[in-house]
Amino acid sequence: MLKKTISMLLLTATISITVAVPGYAAMKITDANSFKWSQTGSEWKVVDNSGNPASGFISYNDQTYYLDKNGIMKTGWIKSSGSWYYLNTNGTLALDQWIDNYYVDYSGKMTKIQ
């Protein structure tokens, strides 16, 4: 009986911990350190090694950026895969900070509204 009670307590604790810890789906980030960057006016465009526009989240020089389907670097608020992210004026992903009344976590995802 004691063994069964201990087993039930351990199971309950495990389920409680699993429910209490939020999960974060990892966003796909492409390594773009070998990609070509070009600037036209105020827009930056990134193409891959085959000359095709890069898109989505990319990593370049230890920073994360977001490119639209045409390879253009975005700034400001963007929505990707159902989540909101903020890109600074230089295009880098904002991490672990308040942006106006919104908080972005360590992954860059907006998690709180003040």
PDB file of N, CA and C in Angstrom:
ATOM      1  N   MET A   1       0.826  -1.198   0.000  1.00  0.00           N
ATOM      2  CA  MET A   1       0.000   0.000   0.000  1.00  0.00           C
ATOM      3  C   MET A   1       0.866   1.256   0.000  1.00  0.00           C
ATOM      4  N   LEU A   2       1.931   1.255   0.818  1.00  0.00           N
ATOM      5  CA  LEU A   2       2.831   2.403   0.884  1.00  0.00           C
ATOM      6  C   LEU A   2       3.509   2.629  -0.465  1.00  0.00           C
ATOM      7  N   LYS A   3       3.890   1.544  -1.123  1.00  0.00           N
ATOM      8  CA  LYS A   3       4.547   1.631  -2.428  1.00  0.00           C
ATOM      9  C   LYS A   3       3.601   2.263  -3.459  1.00  0.00           C
ATOM     10  N   LYS A   4       2.321   1.874  -3.418  1.00  0.00           N
ATOM     11  CA  LYS A   4       1.322   2.411  -4.336  1.00  0.00           C
ATOM     12  C   LYS A   4       1.093   3.903  -4.071  1.00  0.00           C
ATOM     13  N   THR A   5       1.038   4.302  -2.809  1.00  0.00           N
ATOM     14  CA  THR A   5       0.847   5.705  -2.437  1.00  0.00           C
ATOM     15  C   THR A   5       2.019   6.559  -2.914  1.00  0.00           C
ATOM     16  N   ILE A   6       3.232   6.069  -2.717  1.00  0.00           N
ATOM     17  CA  ILE A   6       4.424   6.805  -3.161  1.00  0.00           C
ATOM     18  C   ILE A   6       4.426   6.933  -4.678  1.00  0.00           C
ATOM     19  N   SER A   7       4.064   5.863  -5.365  1.00  0.00           N
ATOM     20  CA  SER A   7       4.002   5.898  -6.830  1.00  0.00           C
ATOM     21  C   SER A   7       2.994   6.934  -7.308  1.00  0.00           C
ATOM     22  N   MET A   8       1.835   6.992  -6.676  1.00  0.00           N
ATOM     23  CA  MET A   8       0.805   7.967  -7.047  1.00  0.00           C
ATOM     24  C   MET A   8       1.270   9.397  -6.779  1.00  0.00           C
ATOM     25  N   LEU A   9       1.953   9.615  -5.662  1.00  0.00           N
ATOM     26  CA  LEU A   9       2.475  10.950  -5.354  1.00  0.00           C
ATOM     27  C   LEU A   9       3.511  11.380  -6.384  1.00  0.00           C
ATOM     28  N   LEU A  10       4.400  10.475  -6.759  1.00  0.00           N
ATOM     29  CA  LEU A  10       5.410  10.794  -7.773  1.00  0.00           C
ATOM     30  C   LEU A  10       4.762  11.095  -9.119  1.00  0.00           C
ATOM     31  N   LEU A  11       3.770  10.321  -9.500  1.00  0.00           N
ATOM     32  CA  LEU A  11       3.061  10.552 -10.749  1.00  0.00           C
ATOM     33  C   LEU A  11       2.362  11.907 -10.729  1.00  0.00           C
ATOM     34  N   THR A  12       1.696  12.228  -9.636  1.00  0.00           N
ATOM     35  CA  THR A  12       1.012  13.515  -9.494  1.00  0.00           C
ATOM     36  C   THR A  12       2.004  14.669  -9.571  1.00  0.00           C
ATOM     37  N   ALA A  13       3.138  14.545  -8.905  1.00  0.00           N
ATOM     38  CA  ALA A  13       4.163  15.595  -8.936  1.00  0.00           C
ATOM     39  C   ALA A  13       4.703  15.775 -10.349  1.00  0.00           C
ATOM     40  N   THR A  14       4.950  14.679 -11.046  1.00  0.00           N
ATOM     41  CA  THR A  14       5.468  14.751 -12.413  1.00  0.00           C
ATOM     42  C   THR A  14       4.478  15.449 -13.334  1.00  0.00           C
ATOM     43  N   ILE A  15       3.209  15.097 -13.239  1.00  0.00           N
ATOM     44  CA  ILE A  15       2.180  15.735 -14.065  1.00  0.00           C
ATOM     45  C   ILE A  15       2.072  17.213 -13.727  1.00  0.00           C
ATOM     46  N   SER A  16       2.118  17.568 -12.457  1.00  0.00           N
ATOM     47  CA  SER A  16       2.032  18.972 -12.037  1.00  0.00           C
ATOM     48  C   SER A  16       3.176  19.789 -12.603  1.00  0.00           C
ATOM     49  N   ILE A  17       4.375  19.252 -12.559  1.00  0.00           N
ATOM     50  CA  ILE A  17       5.540  19.973 -13.084  1.00  0.00           C
ATOM     51  C   ILE A  17       5.412  20.141 -14.586  1.00  0.00           C
ATOM     52  N   THR A  18       4.980  19.107 -15.281  1.00  0.00           N
ATOM     53  CA  THR A  18       4.826  19.167 -16.732  1.00  0.00           C
ATOM     54  C   THR A  18       3.823  20.232 -17.128  1.00  0.00           C
ATOM     55  N   VAL A  19       2.726  20.346 -16.413  1.00  0.00           N
ATOM     56  CA  VAL A  19       1.700  21.330 -16.715  1.00  0.00           C
ATOM     57  C   VAL A  19       2.163  22.734 -16.361  1.00  0.00           C
ATOM     58  N   ALA A  20       2.938  22.898 -15.310  1.00  0.00           N
ATOM     59  CA  ALA A  20       3.338  24.218 -14.827  1.00  0.00           C
ATOM     60  C   ALA A  20       4.447  24.856 -15.650  1.00  0.00           C
ATOM     61  N   VAL A  21       5.218  24.072 -16.385  1.00  0.00           N
ATOM     62  CA  VAL A  21       6.335  24.617 -17.151  1.00  0.00           C
ATOM     63  C   VAL A  21       5.876  24.872 -18.574  1.00  0.00           C
ATOM     64  N   PRO A  22       5.874  26.147 -19.028  1.00  0.00           N
ATOM     65  CA  PRO A  22       5.412  26.431 -20.380  1.00  0.00           C
ATOM     66  C   PRO A  22       6.379  25.873 -21.413  1.00  0.00           C
ATOM     67  N   GLY A  23       5.837  25.438 -22.529  1.00  0.00           N
ATOM     68  CA  GLY A  23       6.683  24.924 -23.605  1.00  0.00           C
ATOM     69  C   GLY A  23       6.887  25.988 -24.667  1.00  0.00           C
ATOM     70  N   TYR A  24       8.042  26.005 -25.256  1.00  0.00           N
ATOM     71  CA  TYR A  24       8.336  26.934 -26.333  1.00  0.00           C
ATOM     72  C   TYR A  24       8.735  26.134 -27.555  1.00  0.00           C
ATOM     73  N   ALA A  25       7.993  26.305 -28.615  1.00  0.00           N
ATOM     74  CA  ALA A  25       8.372  25.649 -29.861  1.00  0.00           C
ATOM     75  C   ALA A  25       9.558  26.418 -30.429  1.00  0.00           C
ATOM     76  N   ALA A  26      10.571  25.694 -30.769  1.00  0.00           N
ATOM     77  CA  ALA A  26      11.766  26.340 -31.310  1.00  0.00           C
ATOM     78  C   ALA A  26      11.466  26.853 -32.710  1.00  0.00           C
ATOM     79  N   MET A  27      11.776  28.125 -32.952  1.00  0.00           N
ATOM     80  CA  MET A  27      11.589  28.647 -34.294  1.00  0.00           C
ATOM     81  C   MET A  27      12.796  28.239 -35.131  1.00  0.00           C
ATOM     82  N   LYS A  28      12.568  28.008 -36.397  1.00  0.00           N
ATOM     83  CA  LYS A  28      13.647  27.613 -37.290  1.00  0.00           C
ATOM     84  C   LYS A  28      14.480  28.847 -37.624  1.00  0.00           C
ATOM     85  N   ILE A  29      15.782  28.762 -37.386  1.00  0.00           N
ATOM     86  CA  ILE A  29      16.694  29.864 -37.693  1.00  0.00           C
ATOM     87  C   ILE A  29      17.762  29.335 -38.638  1.00  0.00           C
ATOM     88  N   THR A  30      17.888  29.961 -39.800  1.00  0.00           N
ATOM     89  CA  THR A  30      18.866  29.557 -40.803  1.00  0.00           C
ATOM     90  C   THR A  30      20.167  30.315 -40.601  1.00  0.00           C
ATOM     91  N   ASP A  31      21.291  29.608 -40.648  1.00  0.00           N
ATOM     92  CA  ASP A  31      22.613  30.248 -40.563  1.00  0.00           C
ATOM     93  C   ASP A  31      22.870  30.973 -41.879  1.00  0.00           C
ATOM     94  N   ALA A  32      22.985  32.286 -41.830  1.00  0.00           N
ATOM     95  CA  ALA A  32      23.138  33.094 -43.040  1.00  0.00           C
ATOM     96  C   ALA A  32      24.499  33.775 -43.115  1.00  0.00           C
ATOM     97  N   ASN A  33      25.489  33.278 -42.387  1.00  0.00           N
ATOM     98  CA  ASN A  33      26.797  33.932 -42.380  1.00  0.00           C
ATOM     99  C   ASN A  33      27.488  33.909 -43.738  1.00  0.00           C
ATOM    100  N   SER A  34      27.125  32.982 -44.619  1.00  0.00           N
ATOM    101  CA  SER A  34      27.744  32.949 -45.944  1.00  0.00           C
ATOM    102  C   SER A  34      26.846  33.573 -47.015  1.00  0.00           C
ATOM    103  N   PHE A  35      25.678  34.083 -46.620  1.00  0.00           N
ATOM    104  CA  PHE A  35      24.752  34.679 -47.580  1.00  0.00           C
ATOM    105  C   PHE A  35      25.200  36.090 -47.961  1.00  0.00           C
ATOM    106  N   LYS A  36      24.688  36.575 -49.083  1.00  0.00           N
ATOM    107  CA  LYS A  36      25.057  37.910 -49.577  1.00  0.00           C
ATOM    108  C   LYS A  36      23.993  38.933 -49.163  1.00  0.00           C
ATOM    109  N   TRP A  37      24.473  40.031 -48.560  1.00  0.00           N
ATOM    110  CA  TRP A  37      23.612  41.143 -48.166  1.00  0.00           C
ATOM    111  C   TRP A  37      23.829  42.291 -49.143  1.00  0.00           C
ATOM    112  N   SER A  38      22.737  42.963 -49.538  1.00  0.00           N
ATOM    113  CA  SER A  38      22.863  44.154 -50.386  1.00  0.00           C
ATOM    114  C   SER A  38      21.857  45.193 -49.904  1.00  0.00           C
ATOM    115  N   GLN A  39      22.223  46.463 -50.097  1.00  0.00           N
ATOM    116  CA  GLN A  39      21.360  47.552 -49.645  1.00  0.00           C
ATOM    117  C   GLN A  39      20.929  48.392 -50.834  1.00  0.00           C
ATOM    118  N   THR A  40      19.619  48.659 -50.908  1.00  0.00           N
ATOM    119  CA  THR A  40      19.055  49.565 -51.900  1.00  0.00           C
ATOM    120  C   THR A  40      18.251  50.590 -51.128  1.00  0.00           C
ATOM    121  N   GLY A  41      18.722  51.837 -51.114  1.00  0.00           N
ATOM    122  CA  GLY A  41      18.068  52.856 -50.304  1.00  0.00           C
ATOM    123  C   GLY A  41      18.150  52.469 -48.845  1.00  0.00           C
ATOM    124  N   SER A  42      17.004  52.351 -48.195  1.00  0.00           N
ATOM    125  CA  SER A  42      16.997  51.976 -46.778  1.00  0.00           C
ATOM    126  C   SER A  42      16.704  50.488 -46.572  1.00  0.00           C
ATOM    127  N   GLU A  43      16.520  49.738 -47.666  1.00  0.00           N
ATOM    128  CA  GLU A  43      16.197  48.317 -47.549  1.00  0.00           C
ATOM    129  C   GLU A  43      17.424  47.428 -47.686  1.00  0.00           C
ATOM    130  N   TRP A  44      17.474  46.397 -46.841  1.00  0.00           N
ATOM    131  CA  TRP A  44      18.502  45.367 -46.932  1.00  0.00           C
ATOM    132  C   TRP A  44      17.864  44.105 -47.485  1.00  0.00           C
ATOM    133  N   LYS A  45      18.558  43.477 -48.434  1.00  0.00           N
ATOM    134  CA  LYS A  45      18.086  42.227 -49.026  1.00  0.00           C
ATOM    135  C   LYS A  45      19.161  41.167 -48.835  1.00  0.00           C
ATOM    136  N   VAL A  46      18.720  39.939 -48.584  1.00  0.00           N
ATOM    137  CA  VAL A  46      19.643  38.827 -48.364  1.00  0.00           C
ATOM    138  C   VAL A  46      19.301  37.707 -49.344  1.00  0.00           C
ATOM    139  N   VAL A  47      20.336  37.212 -50.036  1.00  0.00           N
ATOM    140  CA  VAL A  47      20.158  36.067 -50.928  1.00  0.00           C
ATOM    141  C   VAL A  47      21.083  34.944 -50.479  1.00  0.00           C
ATOM    142  N   ASP A  48      20.641  33.709 -50.723  1.00  0.00           N
ATOM    143  CA  ASP A  48      21.455  32.558 -50.333  1.00  0.00           C
ATOM    144  C   ASP A  48      22.567  32.320 -51.350  1.00  0.00           C
ATOM    145  N   ASN A  49      23.308  31.253 -51.175  1.00  0.00           N
ATOM    146  CA  ASN A  49      24.459  30.976 -52.037  1.00  0.00           C
ATOM    147  C   ASN A  49      24.073  30.654 -53.474  1.00  0.00           C
ATOM    148  N   SER A  50      22.797  30.352 -53.726  1.00  0.00           N
ATOM    149  CA  SER A  50      22.314  30.086 -55.086  1.00  0.00           C
ATOM    150  C   SER A  50      21.701  31.329 -55.712  1.00  0.00           C
ATOM    151  N   GLY A  51      21.678  32.440 -54.963  1.00  0.00           N
ATOM    152  CA  GLY A  51      21.102  33.683 -55.465  1.00  0.00           C
ATOM    153  C   GLY A  51      19.616  33.829 -55.209  1.00  0.00           C
ATOM    154  N   ASN A  52      19.027  32.885 -54.471  1.00  0.00           N
ATOM    155  CA  ASN A  52      17.599  32.956 -54.142  1.00  0.00           C
ATOM    156  C   ASN A  52      17.390  33.780 -52.879  1.00  0.00           C
ATOM    157  N   PRO A  53      16.285  34.547 -52.815  1.00  0.00           N
ATOM    158  CA  PRO A  53      16.028  35.317 -51.599  1.00  0.00           C
ATOM    159  C   PRO A  53      15.914  34.403 -50.380  1.00  0.00           C
ATOM    160  N   ALA A  54      16.614  34.761 -49.312  1.00  0.00           N
ATOM    161  CA  ALA A  54      16.471  34.051 -48.039  1.00  0.00           C
ATOM    162  C   ALA A  54      15.183  34.552 -47.398  1.00  0.00           C
ATOM    163  N   SER A  55      14.579  33.760 -46.525  1.00  0.00           N
ATOM    164  CA  SER A  55      13.359  34.216 -45.858  1.00  0.00           C
ATOM    165  C   SER A  55      13.239  33.578 -44.484  1.00  0.00           C
ATOM    166  N   GLY A  56      12.386  34.183 -43.660  1.00  0.00           N
ATOM    167  CA  GLY A  56      12.183  33.697 -42.299  1.00  0.00           C
ATOM    168  C   GLY A  56      13.263  34.210 -41.369  1.00  0.00           C
ATOM    169  N   PHE A  57      13.418  33.555 -40.238  1.00  0.00           N
ATOM    170  CA  PHE A  57      14.435  33.954 -39.267  1.00  0.00           C
ATOM    171  C   PHE A  57      15.796  33.463 -39.727  1.00  0.00           C
ATOM    172  N   ILE A  58      16.778  34.351 -39.671  1.00  0.00           N
ATOM    173  CA  ILE A  58      18.151  33.981 -40.023  1.00  0.00           C
ATOM    174  C   ILE A  58      19.093  34.425 -38.914  1.00  0.00           C
ATOM    175  N   SER A  59      20.218  33.750 -38.825  1.00  0.00           N
ATOM    176  CA  SER A  59      21.276  34.119 -37.888  1.00  0.00           C
ATOM    177  C   SER A  59      22.450  34.642 -38.697  1.00  0.00           C
ATOM    178  N   TYR A  60      22.941  35.822 -38.311  1.00  0.00           N
ATOM    179  CA  TYR A  60      24.071  36.435 -38.997  1.00  0.00           C
ATOM    180  C   TYR A  60      24.909  37.164 -37.957  1.00  0.00           C
ATOM    181  N   ASN A  61      26.187  36.821 -37.862  1.00  0.00           N
ATOM    182  CA  ASN A  61      27.087  37.436 -36.871  1.00  0.00           C
ATOM    183  C   ASN A  61      26.493  37.424 -35.461  1.00  0.00           C
ATOM    184  N   ASP A  62      25.972  36.277 -35.047  1.00  0.00           N
ATOM    185  CA  ASP A  62      25.418  36.076 -33.698  1.00  0.00           C
ATOM    186  C   ASP A  62      24.188  36.922 -33.392  1.00  0.00           C
ATOM    187  N   GLN A  63      23.505  37.405 -34.407  1.00  0.00           N
ATOM    188  CA  GLN A  63      22.253  38.139 -34.235  1.00  0.00           C
ATOM    189  C   GLN A  63      21.172  37.443 -35.053  1.00  0.00           C
ATOM    190  N   THR A  64      19.920  37.612 -34.648  1.00  0.00           N
ATOM    191  CA  THR A  64      18.802  37.030 -35.384  1.00  0.00           C
ATOM    192  C   THR A  64      18.027  38.143 -36.075  1.00  0.00           C
ATOM    193  N   TYR A  65      17.692  37.900 -37.339  1.00  0.00           N
ATOM    194  CA  TYR A  65      16.941  38.834 -38.175  1.00  0.00           C
ATOM    195  C   TYR A  65      15.753  38.089 -38.769  1.00  0.00           C
ATOM    196  N   TYR A  66      14.790  38.858 -39.327  1.00  0.00           N
ATOM    197  CA  TYR A  66      13.673  38.241 -40.032  1.00  0.00           C
ATOM    198  C   TYR A  66      13.585  38.847 -41.423  1.00  0.00           C
ATOM    199  N   LEU A  67      13.463  37.966 -42.422  1.00  0.00           N
ATOM    200  CA  LEU A  67      13.367  38.394 -43.814  1.00  0.00           C
ATOM    201  C   LEU A  67      12.020  37.971 -44.382  1.00  0.00           C
ATOM    202  N   ASP A  68      11.402  38.853 -45.190  1.00  0.00           N
ATOM    203  CA  ASP A  68      10.148  38.462 -45.832  1.00  0.00           C
ATOM    204  C   ASP A  68      10.442  37.511 -46.997  1.00  0.00           C
ATOM    205  N   LYS A  69       9.422  37.106 -47.728  1.00  0.00           N
ATOM    206  CA  LYS A  69       9.597  36.107 -48.791  1.00  0.00           C
ATOM    207  C   LYS A  69      10.477  36.604 -49.935  1.00  0.00           C
ATOM    208  N   ASN A  70      10.676  37.926 -50.024  1.00  0.00           N
ATOM    209  CA  ASN A  70      11.538  38.501 -51.057  1.00  0.00           C
ATOM    210  C   ASN A  70      12.966  38.722 -50.568  1.00  0.00           C
ATOM    211  N   GLY A  71      13.252  38.313 -49.330  1.00  0.00           N
ATOM    212  CA  GLY A  71      14.588  38.469 -48.771  1.00  0.00           C
ATOM    213  C   GLY A  71      14.839  39.822 -48.134  1.00  0.00           C
ATOM    214  N   ILE A  72      13.797  40.636 -47.972  1.00  0.00           N
ATOM    215  CA  ILE A  72      13.936  41.982 -47.400  1.00  0.00           C
ATOM    216  C   ILE A  72      13.900  41.892 -45.875  1.00  0.00           C
ATOM    217  N   MET A  73      14.893  42.516 -45.225  1.00  0.00           N
ATOM    218  CA  MET A  73      14.972  42.545 -43.767  1.00  0.00           C
ATOM    219  C   MET A  73      13.841  43.402 -43.206  1.00  0.00           C
ATOM    220  N   LYS A  74      13.140  42.868 -42.224  1.00  0.00           N
ATOM    221  CA  LYS A  74      12.017  43.566 -41.613  1.00  0.00           C
ATOM    222  C   LYS A  74      12.422  44.213 -40.291  1.00  0.00           C
ATOM    223  N   THR A  75      11.668  45.234 -39.892  1.00  0.00           N
ATOM    224  CA  THR A  75      11.822  45.881 -38.590  1.00  0.00           C
ATOM    225  C   THR A  75      10.427  46.052 -37.991  1.00  0.00           C
ATOM    226  N   GLY A  76      10.385  46.355 -36.697  1.00  0.00           N
ATOM    227  CA  GLY A  76       9.103  46.545 -36.023  1.00  0.00           C
ATOM    228  C   GLY A  76       8.469  45.216 -35.655  1.00  0.00           C
ATOM    229  N   TRP A  77       7.161  45.232 -35.411  1.00  0.00           N
ATOM    230  CA  TRP A  77       6.434  44.027 -35.009  1.00  0.00           C
ATOM    231  C   TRP A  77       6.140  43.149 -36.213  1.00  0.00           C
ATOM    232  N   ILE A  78       6.371  41.851 -36.073  1.00  0.00           N
ATOM    233  CA  ILE A  78       5.996  40.878 -37.102  1.00  0.00           C
ATOM    234  C   ILE A  78       5.274  39.722 -36.419  1.00  0.00           C
ATOM    235  N   LYS A  79       4.429  39.052 -37.168  1.00  0.00           N
ATOM    236  CA  LYS A  79       3.758  37.853 -36.662  1.00  0.00           C
ATOM    237  C   LYS A  79       4.265  36.674 -37.477  1.00  0.00           C
ATOM    238  N   SER A  80       4.778  35.660 -36.790  1.00  0.00           N
ATOM    239  CA  SER A  80       5.303  34.467 -37.446  1.00  0.00           C
ATOM    240  C   SER A  80       4.818  33.234 -36.697  1.00  0.00           C
ATOM    241  N   SER A  81       4.230  32.309 -37.413  1.00  0.00           N
ATOM    242  CA  SER A  81       3.719  31.056 -36.825  1.00  0.00           C
ATOM    243  C   SER A  81       2.816  31.315 -35.618  1.00  0.00           C
ATOM    244  N   GLY A  82       1.989  32.349 -35.715  1.00  0.00           N
ATOM    245  CA  GLY A  82       1.025  32.637 -34.660  1.00  0.00           C
ATOM    246  C   GLY A  82       1.557  33.419 -33.472  1.00  0.00           C
ATOM    247  N   SER A  83       2.845  33.773 -33.479  1.00  0.00           N
ATOM    248  CA  SER A  83       3.441  34.532 -32.371  1.00  0.00           C
ATOM    249  C   SER A  83       3.961  35.871 -32.873  1.00  0.00           C
ATOM    250  N   TRP A  84       3.996  36.849 -31.971  1.00  0.00           N
ATOM    251  CA  TRP A  84       4.502  38.182 -32.300  1.00  0.00           C
ATOM    252  C   TRP A  84       5.944  38.330 -31.835  1.00  0.00           C
ATOM    253  N   TYR A  85       6.755  39.010 -32.658  1.00  0.00           N
ATOM    254  CA  TYR A  85       8.165  39.279 -32.377  1.00  0.00           C
ATOM    255  C   TYR A  85       8.433  40.740 -32.712  1.00  0.00           C
ATOM    256  N   TYR A  86       9.426  41.334 -32.033  1.00  0.00           N
ATOM    257  CA  TYR A  86       9.800  42.715 -32.330  1.00  0.00           C
ATOM    258  C   TYR A  86      11.228  42.750 -32.862  1.00  0.00           C
ATOM    259  N   LEU A  87      11.390  43.444 -33.995  1.00  0.00           N
ATOM    260  CA  LEU A  87      12.701  43.616 -34.613  1.00  0.00           C
ATOM    261  C   LEU A  87      13.113  45.075 -34.461  1.00  0.00           C
ATOM    262  N   ASN A  88      14.273  45.299 -33.876  1.00  0.00           N
ATOM    263  CA  ASN A  88      14.780  46.651 -33.646  1.00  0.00           C
ATOM    264  C   ASN A  88      14.973  47.393 -34.967  1.00  0.00           C
ATOM    265  N   THR A  89      15.252  48.689 -34.891  1.00  0.00           N
ATOM    266  CA  THR A  89      15.409  49.491 -36.107  1.00  0.00           C
ATOM    267  C   THR A  89      16.571  49.023 -36.975  1.00  0.00           C
ATOM    268  N   ASN A  90      17.546  48.318 -36.381  1.00  0.00           N
ATOM    269  CA  ASN A  90      18.654  47.761 -37.171  1.00  0.00           C
ATOM    270  C   ASN A  90      18.344  46.333 -37.634  1.00  0.00           C
ATOM    271  N   GLY A  91      17.122  45.860 -37.378  1.00  0.00           N
ATOM    272  CA  GLY A  91      16.684  44.549 -37.834  1.00  0.00           C
ATOM    273  C   GLY A  91      16.901  43.406 -36.864  1.00  0.00           C
ATOM    274  N   THR A  92      17.677  43.625 -35.799  1.00  0.00           N
ATOM    275  CA  THR A  92      17.952  42.533 -34.859  1.00  0.00           C
ATOM    276  C   THR A  92      16.719  42.219 -34.015  1.00  0.00           C
ATOM    277  N   LEU A  93      16.565  40.950 -33.675  1.00  0.00           N
ATOM    278  CA  LEU A  93      15.452  40.491 -32.856  1.00  0.00           C
ATOM    279  C   LEU A  93      15.630  40.966 -31.419  1.00  0.00           C
ATOM    280  N   ALA A  94      14.600  41.627 -30.887  1.00  0.00           N
ATOM    281  CA  ALA A  94      14.628  42.071 -29.485  1.00  0.00           C
ATOM    282  C   ALA A  94      14.431  40.859 -28.580  1.00  0.00           C
ATOM    283  N   LEU A  95      15.215  40.801 -27.503  1.00  0.00           N
ATOM    284  CA  LEU A  95      15.168  39.673 -26.575  1.00  0.00           C
ATOM    285  C   LEU A  95      15.048  40.150 -25.137  1.00  0.00           C
ATOM    286  N   ASP A  96      14.218  39.473 -24.346  1.00  0.00           N
ATOM    287  CA  ASP A  96      14.152  39.659 -22.902  1.00  0.00           C
ATOM    288  C   ASP A  96      14.041  41.132 -22.491  1.00  0.00           C
ATOM    289  N   GLN A  97      13.015  41.820 -23.007  1.00  0.00           N
ATOM    290  CA  GLN A  97      12.840  43.238 -22.684  1.00  0.00           C
ATOM    291  C   GLN A  97      11.402  43.684 -22.951  1.00  0.00           C
ATOM    292  N   TRP A  98      11.074  44.857 -22.396  1.00  0.00           N
ATOM    293  CA  TRP A  98       9.785  45.491 -22.652  1.00  0.00           C
ATOM    294  C   TRP A  98       9.919  46.377 -23.878  1.00  0.00           C
ATOM    295  N   ILE A  99       8.954  46.279 -24.779  1.00  0.00           N
ATOM    296  CA  ILE A  99       8.846  47.161 -25.942  1.00  0.00           C
ATOM    297  C   ILE A  99       7.509  47.866 -25.761  1.00  0.00           C
ATOM    298  N   ASP A 100       7.561  49.148 -25.415  1.00  0.00           N
ATOM    299  CA  ASP A 100       6.352  49.876 -25.036  1.00  0.00           C
ATOM    300  C   ASP A 100       5.645  49.085 -23.929  1.00  0.00           C
ATOM    301  N   ASN A 101       4.419  48.629 -24.158  1.00  0.00           N
ATOM    302  CA  ASN A 101       3.684  47.886 -23.128  1.00  0.00           C
ATOM    303  C   ASN A 101       3.715  46.376 -23.330  1.00  0.00           C
ATOM    304  N   TYR A 102       4.650  45.892 -24.121  1.00  0.00           N
ATOM    305  CA  TYR A 102       4.715  44.468 -24.455  1.00  0.00           C
ATOM    306  C   TYR A 102       6.069  43.897 -24.046  1.00  0.00           C
ATOM    307  N   TYR A 103       6.039  42.668 -23.513  1.00  0.00           N
ATOM    308  CA  TYR A 103       7.275  42.013 -23.101  1.00  0.00           C
ATOM    309  C   TYR A 103       7.615  40.896 -24.076  1.00  0.00           C
ATOM    310  N   VAL A 104       8.875  40.884 -24.550  1.00  0.00           N
ATOM    311  CA  VAL A 104       9.364  39.779 -25.373  1.00  0.00           C
ATOM    312  C   VAL A 104      10.343  38.978 -24.524  1.00  0.00           C
ATOM    313  N   ASP A 105      10.215  37.645 -24.579  1.00  0.00           N
ATOM    314  CA  ASP A 105      11.030  36.778 -23.728  1.00  0.00           C
ATOM    315  C   ASP A 105      12.402  36.500 -24.333  1.00  0.00           C
ATOM    316  N   TYR A 106      13.119  35.549 -23.726  1.00  0.00           N
ATOM    317  CA  TYR A 106      14.480  35.217 -24.154  1.00  0.00           C
ATOM    318  C   TYR A 106      14.536  34.676 -25.584  1.00  0.00           C
ATOM    319  N   SER A 107      13.397  34.201 -26.117  1.00  0.00           N
ATOM    320  CA  SER A 107      13.371  33.703 -27.494  1.00  0.00           C
ATOM    321  C   SER A 107      12.911  34.776 -28.471  1.00  0.00           C
ATOM    322  N   GLY A 108      12.512  35.946 -27.940  1.00  0.00           N
ATOM    323  CA  GLY A 108      12.038  37.041 -28.774  1.00  0.00           C
ATOM    324  C   GLY A 108      10.534  37.087 -28.931  1.00  0.00           C
ATOM    325  N   LYS A 109       9.834  36.089 -28.408  1.00  0.00           N
ATOM    326  CA  LYS A 109       8.383  36.006 -28.548  1.00  0.00           C
ATOM    327  C   LYS A 109       7.696  36.919 -27.533  1.00  0.00           C
ATOM    328  N   MET A 110       6.661  37.676 -27.996  1.00  0.00           N
ATOM    329  CA  MET A 110       5.889  38.498 -27.074  1.00  0.00           C
ATOM    330  C   MET A 110       5.099  37.581 -26.141  1.00  0.00           C
ATOM    331  N   THR A 111       5.235  37.822 -24.830  1.00  0.00           N
ATOM    332  CA  THR A 111       4.570  36.949 -23.864  1.00  0.00           C
ATOM    333  C   THR A 111       3.645  37.681 -22.909  1.00  0.00           C
ATOM    334  N   LYS A 112       3.821  38.985 -22.733  1.00  0.00           N
ATOM    335  CA  LYS A 112       3.015  39.715 -21.752  1.00  0.00           C
ATOM    336  C   LYS A 112       2.609  41.070 -22.308  1.00  0.00           C
ATOM    337  N   ILE A 113       1.449  41.522 -21.848  1.00  0.00           N
ATOM    338  CA  ILE A 113       0.993  42.876 -22.132  1.00  0.00           C
ATOM    339  C   ILE A 113       0.832  43.564 -20.793  1.00  0.00           C
ATOM    340  N   GLN A 114       1.411  44.760 -20.658  1.00  0.00           N
ATOM    341  CA  GLN A 114       1.368  45.482 -19.383  1.00  0.00           C
ATOM    342  C   GLN A 114       0.031  46.142 -19.200  1.00  0.00           C
TER     343      GLN A 114
END
